[in-house]
C-alpha atoms as a PDB file:
ATOM      1  CA  MET A   1       0.906   0.874   3.576  1.00  0.00           C
ATOM      2  CA  LYS A   2       3.348   2.207   6.175  1.00  0.00           C
ATOM      3  CA  ILE A   3       2.351   2.111   9.850  1.00  0.00           C
ATOM      4  CA  CYS A   4       4.100   3.602  12.877  1.00  0.00           C
ATOM      5  CA  VAL A   5       3.354   1.808  16.151  1.00  0.00           C
ATOM      6  CA  VAL A   6       4.201   3.102  19.628  1.00  0.00           C
ATOM      7  CA  SER A   7       3.264   2.066  23.137  1.00  0.00           C
ATOM      8  CA  ASP A   8       3.745   2.904  26.788  1.00  0.00           C
ATOM      9  CA  SER A   9       4.841   6.522  26.408  1.00  0.00           C
ATOM     10  CA  HIS A  10       3.395   7.388  29.842  1.00  0.00           C
ATOM     11  CA  GLY A  11       2.716  11.087  29.302  1.00  0.00           C
ATOM     12  CA  ASP A  12       5.771  11.893  27.192  1.00  0.00           C
ATOM     13  CA  ILE A  13       4.177  13.954  24.418  1.00  0.00           C
ATOM     14  CA  ASP A  14       7.599  15.202  23.254  1.00  0.00           C
ATOM     15  CA  ILE A  15       8.746  11.702  22.257  1.00  0.00           C
ATOM     16  CA  LEU A  16       5.499  11.109  20.358  1.00  0.00           C
ATOM     17  CA  GLU A  17       5.906  14.381  18.460  1.00  0.00           C
ATOM     18  CA  LYS A  18       9.521  13.493  17.647  1.00  0.00           C
ATOM     19  CA  ILE A  19       8.504  10.074  16.323  1.00  0.00           C
ATOM     20  CA  ARG A  20       5.808  11.645  14.130  1.00  0.00           C
ATOM     21  CA  PHE A  21       8.305  14.251  12.873  1.00  0.00           C
ATOM     22  CA  ASP A  22      10.889  11.534  12.116  1.00  0.00           C
ATOM     23  CA  ASN A  23       8.318   9.429  10.205  1.00  0.00           C
ATOM     24  CA  PRO A  24       6.180  11.826   8.154  1.00  0.00           C
ATOM     25  CA  ASP A  25       5.596   9.257   5.397  1.00  0.00           C
ATOM     26  CA  CYS A  26       3.529   6.866   7.541  1.00  0.00           C
ATOM     27  CA  ASP A  27      -0.084   6.348   6.537  1.00  0.00           C
ATOM     28  CA  VAL A  28      -1.218   5.458  10.054  1.00  0.00           C
ATOM     29  CA  TYR A  29       0.081   6.111  13.579  1.00  0.00           C
ATOM     30  CA  ILE A  30      -1.034   3.667  16.269  1.00  0.00           C
ATOM     31  CA  HIS A  31      -0.631   3.973  20.047  1.00  0.00           C
ATOM     32  CA  LEU A  32      -1.094   0.686  21.934  1.00  0.00           C
ATOM     33  CA  GLY A  33      -2.000   2.207  25.279  1.00  0.00           C
ATOM     34  CA  ASP A  34      -0.601   3.846  28.359  1.00  0.00           C
ATOM     35  CA  SER A  35      -0.202   7.163  26.595  1.00  0.00           C
ATOM     36  CA  CYS A  36      -1.611   8.719  29.766  1.00  0.00           C
ATOM     37  CA  LEU A  37      -2.629  11.679  27.611  1.00  0.00           C
ATOM     38  CA  PRO A  38      -6.077  13.105  26.857  1.00  0.00           C
ATOM     39  CA  GLU A  39      -7.656  12.373  23.506  1.00  0.00           C
ATOM     40  CA  TYR A  40      -7.165  15.905  22.164  1.00  0.00           C
ATOM     41  CA  MET A  41      -3.378  15.485  22.516  1.00  0.00           C
ATOM     42  CA  MET A  42      -3.502  12.115  20.731  1.00  0.00           C
ATOM     43  CA  ASP A  43      -5.678  13.066  17.760  1.00  0.00           C
ATOM     44  CA  SER A  44      -3.021  12.028  15.220  1.00  0.00           C
ATOM     45  CA  PHE A  45      -2.841   8.497  16.696  1.00  0.00           C
ATOM     46  CA  ILE A  46      -5.315   5.643  16.572  1.00  0.00           C
ATOM     47  CA  SER A  47      -5.220   4.734  20.256  1.00  0.00           C
ATOM     48  CA  VAL A  48      -6.361   1.935  22.527  1.00  0.00           C
ATOM     49  CA  LYS A  49      -6.758   2.008  26.287  1.00  0.00           C
ATOM     50  CA  GLY A  50      -3.926   0.776  28.469  1.00  0.00           C
ATOM     51  CA  ASN A  51      -4.063  -0.249  32.097  1.00  0.00           C
ATOM     52  CA  CYS A  52      -2.683   3.186  33.130  1.00  0.00           C
ATOM     53  CA  ASP A  53      -5.105   5.212  30.977  1.00  0.00           C
ATOM     54  CA  TYR A  54      -7.474   5.550  33.921  1.00  0.00           C
ATOM     55  CA  PHE A  55      -9.645   8.495  32.923  1.00  0.00           C
ATOM     56  CA  ILE A  56      -9.340   8.243  29.149  1.00  0.00           C
ATOM     57  CA  ASP A  57     -12.082   6.708  27.031  1.00  0.00           C
ATOM     58  CA  TYR A  58     -10.105   4.924  24.329  1.00  0.00           C
ATOM     59  CA  PRO A  59     -11.492   1.585  23.118  1.00  0.00           C
ATOM     60  CA  LEU A  60      -9.875  -1.562  24.548  1.00  0.00           C
ATOM     61  CA  TYR A  61      -8.974  -2.819  21.069  1.00  0.00           C
ATOM     62  CA  ARG A  62      -9.140  -1.938  17.392  1.00  0.00           C
ATOM     63  CA  THR A  63      -8.606  -3.738  14.133  1.00  0.00           C
ATOM     64  CA  ILE A  64      -6.758  -2.057  11.283  1.00  0.00           C
ATOM     65  CA  GLU A  65      -7.265  -3.090   7.653  1.00  0.00           C
ATOM     66  CA  THR A  66      -4.061  -3.338   5.613  1.00  0.00           C
ATOM     67  CA  PRO A  67      -3.211  -4.739   2.176  1.00  0.00           C
ATOM     68  CA  TYR A  68      -1.633  -7.720   3.999  1.00  0.00           C
ATOM     69  CA  GLY A  69      -4.689  -8.407   6.163  1.00  0.00           C
ATOM     70  CA  LYS A  70      -6.210  -7.265   9.426  1.00  0.00           C
ATOM     71  CA  ILE A  71      -4.105  -6.242  12.413  1.00  0.00           C
ATOM     72  CA  TRP A  72      -5.468  -6.612  15.957  1.00  0.00           C
ATOM     73  CA  CYS A  73      -4.350  -3.767  18.256  1.00  0.00           C
ATOM     74  CA  GLU A  74      -4.676  -3.745  22.033  1.00  0.00           C
ATOM     75  CA  HIS A  75      -2.594  -2.960  25.074  1.00  0.00           C
ATOM     76  CA  GLY A  76      -2.027  -6.620  25.904  1.00  0.00           C
ATOM     77  CA  HIS A  77      -3.242  -6.845  29.475  1.00  0.00           C
ATOM     78  CA  ILE A  78      -6.576  -8.500  28.596  1.00  0.00           C
ATOM     79  CA  HIS A  79      -6.326 -11.161  25.868  1.00  0.00           C
ATOM     80  CA  GLY A  80      -3.665 -13.827  25.705  1.00  0.00           C
ATOM     81  CA  ARG A  81      -0.622 -12.925  23.669  1.00  0.00           C
ATOM     82  CA  GLY A  82       0.512 -15.668  21.332  1.00  0.00           C
ATOM     83  CA  ASN A  83      -2.959 -17.126  20.832  1.00  0.00           C
ATOM     84  CA  ILE A  84      -3.276 -18.143  17.182  1.00  0.00           C
ATOM     85  CA  GLU A  85      -6.885 -19.304  17.646  1.00  0.00           C
ATOM     86  CA  PHE A  86      -7.790 -15.817  18.879  1.00  0.00           C
ATOM     87  CA  LEU A  87      -6.336 -14.290  15.698  1.00  0.00           C
ATOM     88  CA  LYS A  88      -8.085 -16.827  13.470  1.00  0.00           C
ATOM     89  CA  GLU A  89     -11.371 -16.163  15.252  1.00  0.00           C
ATOM     90  CA  HIS A  90     -11.031 -12.443  14.481  1.00  0.00           C
ATOM     91  CA  ASP A  91      -9.640 -12.951  10.953  1.00  0.00           C
ATOM     92  CA  CYS A  92      -6.375 -11.166  11.822  1.00  0.00           C
ATOM     93  CA  LYS A  93      -2.823 -11.987  10.784  1.00  0.00           C
ATOM     94  CA  VAL A  94      -0.991  -9.720  13.235  1.00  0.00           C
ATOM     95  CA  TYR A  95      -1.463  -9.121  16.963  1.00  0.00           C
ATOM     96  CA  LEU A  96       0.046  -5.832  18.176  1.00  0.00           C
ATOM     97  CA  TYR A  97       0.351  -5.301  21.911  1.00  0.00           C
ATOM     98  CA  GLY A  98       2.277  -3.234  24.444  1.00  0.00           C
ATOM     99  CA  HIS A  99       2.167  -3.453  28.239  1.00  0.00           C
ATOM    100  CA  THR A 100       5.429  -5.349  28.850  1.00  0.00           C
ATOM    101  CA  HIS A 101       7.734  -2.472  27.772  1.00  0.00           C
ATOM    102  CA  ILE A 102       9.830  -5.095  25.935  1.00  0.00           C
ATOM    103  CA  HIS A 103      10.087  -5.038  22.150  1.00  0.00           C
ATOM    104  CA  LYS A 104       9.454  -8.409  20.584  1.00  0.00           C
ATOM    105  CA  LEU A 105       8.661 -10.014  17.245  1.00  0.00           C
ATOM    106  CA  GLU A 106       7.418 -13.584  17.114  1.00  0.00           C
ATOM    107  CA  GLU A 107       6.130 -15.453  14.060  1.00  0.00           C
ATOM    108  CA  VAL A 108       4.115 -18.624  14.611  1.00  0.00           C
ATOM    109  CA  ASN A 109       2.712 -20.521  11.621  1.00  0.00           C
ATOM    110  CA  GLY A 110       2.320 -17.340   9.557  1.00  0.00           C
ATOM    111  CA  TYR A 111       0.834 -15.250  12.387  1.00  0.00           C
ATOM    112  CA  TYR A 112       2.781 -12.401  13.960  1.00  0.00           C
ATOM    113  CA  PHE A 113       2.815 -11.290  17.591  1.00  0.00           C
ATOM    114  CA  VAL A 114       4.605  -7.958  17.903  1.00  0.00           C
ATOM    115  CA  ASN A 115       5.335  -5.554  20.733  1.00  0.00           C
ATOM    116  CA  PRO A 116       6.973  -2.226  19.791  1.00  0.00           C
ATOM    117  CA  GLY A 117       8.413  -1.850  23.293  1.00  0.00           C
ATOM    118  CA  SER A 118       8.133   1.370  25.251  1.00  0.00           C
ATOM    119  CA  THR A 119       9.091   4.753  23.842  1.00  0.00           C
ATOM    120  CA  SER A 120      10.044   6.222  27.202  1.00  0.00           C
ATOM    121  CA  ARG A 121      10.219   3.517  29.892  1.00  0.00           C
ATOM    122  CA  PRO A 122      11.845   0.446  28.320  1.00  0.00           C
ATOM    123  CA  ARG A 123      12.456  -2.740  30.289  1.00  0.00           C
ATOM    124  CA  ASP A 124      14.531  -4.474  27.630  1.00  0.00           C
ATOM    125  CA  GLY A 125      17.891  -2.746  27.935  1.00  0.00           C
ATOM    126  CA  SER A 126      17.161  -0.382  25.038  1.00  0.00           C
ATOM    127  CA  ASP A 127      16.850   3.396  25.157  1.00  0.00           C
ATOM    128  CA  GLY A 128      13.235   3.089  24.035  1.00  0.00           C
ATOM    129  CA  THR A 129      11.777   1.616  20.857  1.00  0.00           C
ATOM    130  CA  TYR A 130       8.883   1.830  18.452  1.00  0.00           C
ATOM    131  CA  LEU A 131       7.919  -0.083  15.336  1.00  0.00           C
ATOM    132  CA  ILE A 132       7.523   0.619  11.636  1.00  0.00           C
ATOM    133  CA  ILE A 133       5.388  -1.838   9.668  1.00  0.00           C
ATOM    134  CA  GLU A 134       5.270  -1.981   5.895  1.00  0.00           C
ATOM    135  CA  ALA A 135       2.231  -3.964   4.792  1.00  0.00           C
ATOM    136  CA  TYR A 136       1.891  -5.102   1.185  1.00  0.00           C
ATOM    137  CA  LYS A 137      -0.557  -7.527  -0.388  1.00  0.00           C
ATOM    138  CA  ASP A 138       1.809 -10.522  -0.179  1.00  0.00           C
ATOM    139  CA  GLU A 139       4.360  -9.381   2.386  1.00  0.00           C
ATOM    140  CA  ILE A 140       4.725  -7.630   5.718  1.00  0.00           C
ATOM    141  CA  LYS A 141       7.929  -6.130   7.141  1.00  0.00           C
ATOM    142  CA  PHE A 142       8.681  -5.100  10.727  1.00  0.00           C
ATOM    143  CA  LYS A 143      11.470  -2.733  11.756  1.00  0.00           C
ATOM    144  CA  PHE A 144      12.187  -1.617  15.313  1.00  0.00           C
ATOM    145  CA  LYS A 145      13.570   1.899  15.702  1.00  0.00           C
ATOM    146  CA  SER A 146      15.122   3.736  18.631  1.00  0.00           C
ATOM    147  CA  SER A 147      12.918   6.421  20.091  1.00  0.00           C
ATOM    148  CA  LEU A 148      15.906   8.596  21.057  1.00  0.00           C
END
């Protein structure tokens, strides 16, 4: 299963369309909040609500089933990032979050905490990033890509 993950695009529909165009072979497209776009413009993404999605009714979190296991998706401004007990409690192996605008991959005792960064307003010295996940039964791979 191939998954494209973006976050914190803050109204930039053009960058989201470019990312979709550049990755047509993905099975799922996930937006981790602060799209700042109405639902009808985000219908190709599974989206969660960010702290800047004021008038949009996305859920605060979602779980995604993959061959590797469940992935918890949220913006990251509510639950604690890096909390293994939280993942165990929800039977998830991966915690995807945005909010910080800094791309990051951390593995702790077989659990992954991953932020794709921001597609349009990075705070990590990049030109903007997003994430491609390849999830197999016994393996998961993460690759950050430039959103330029």
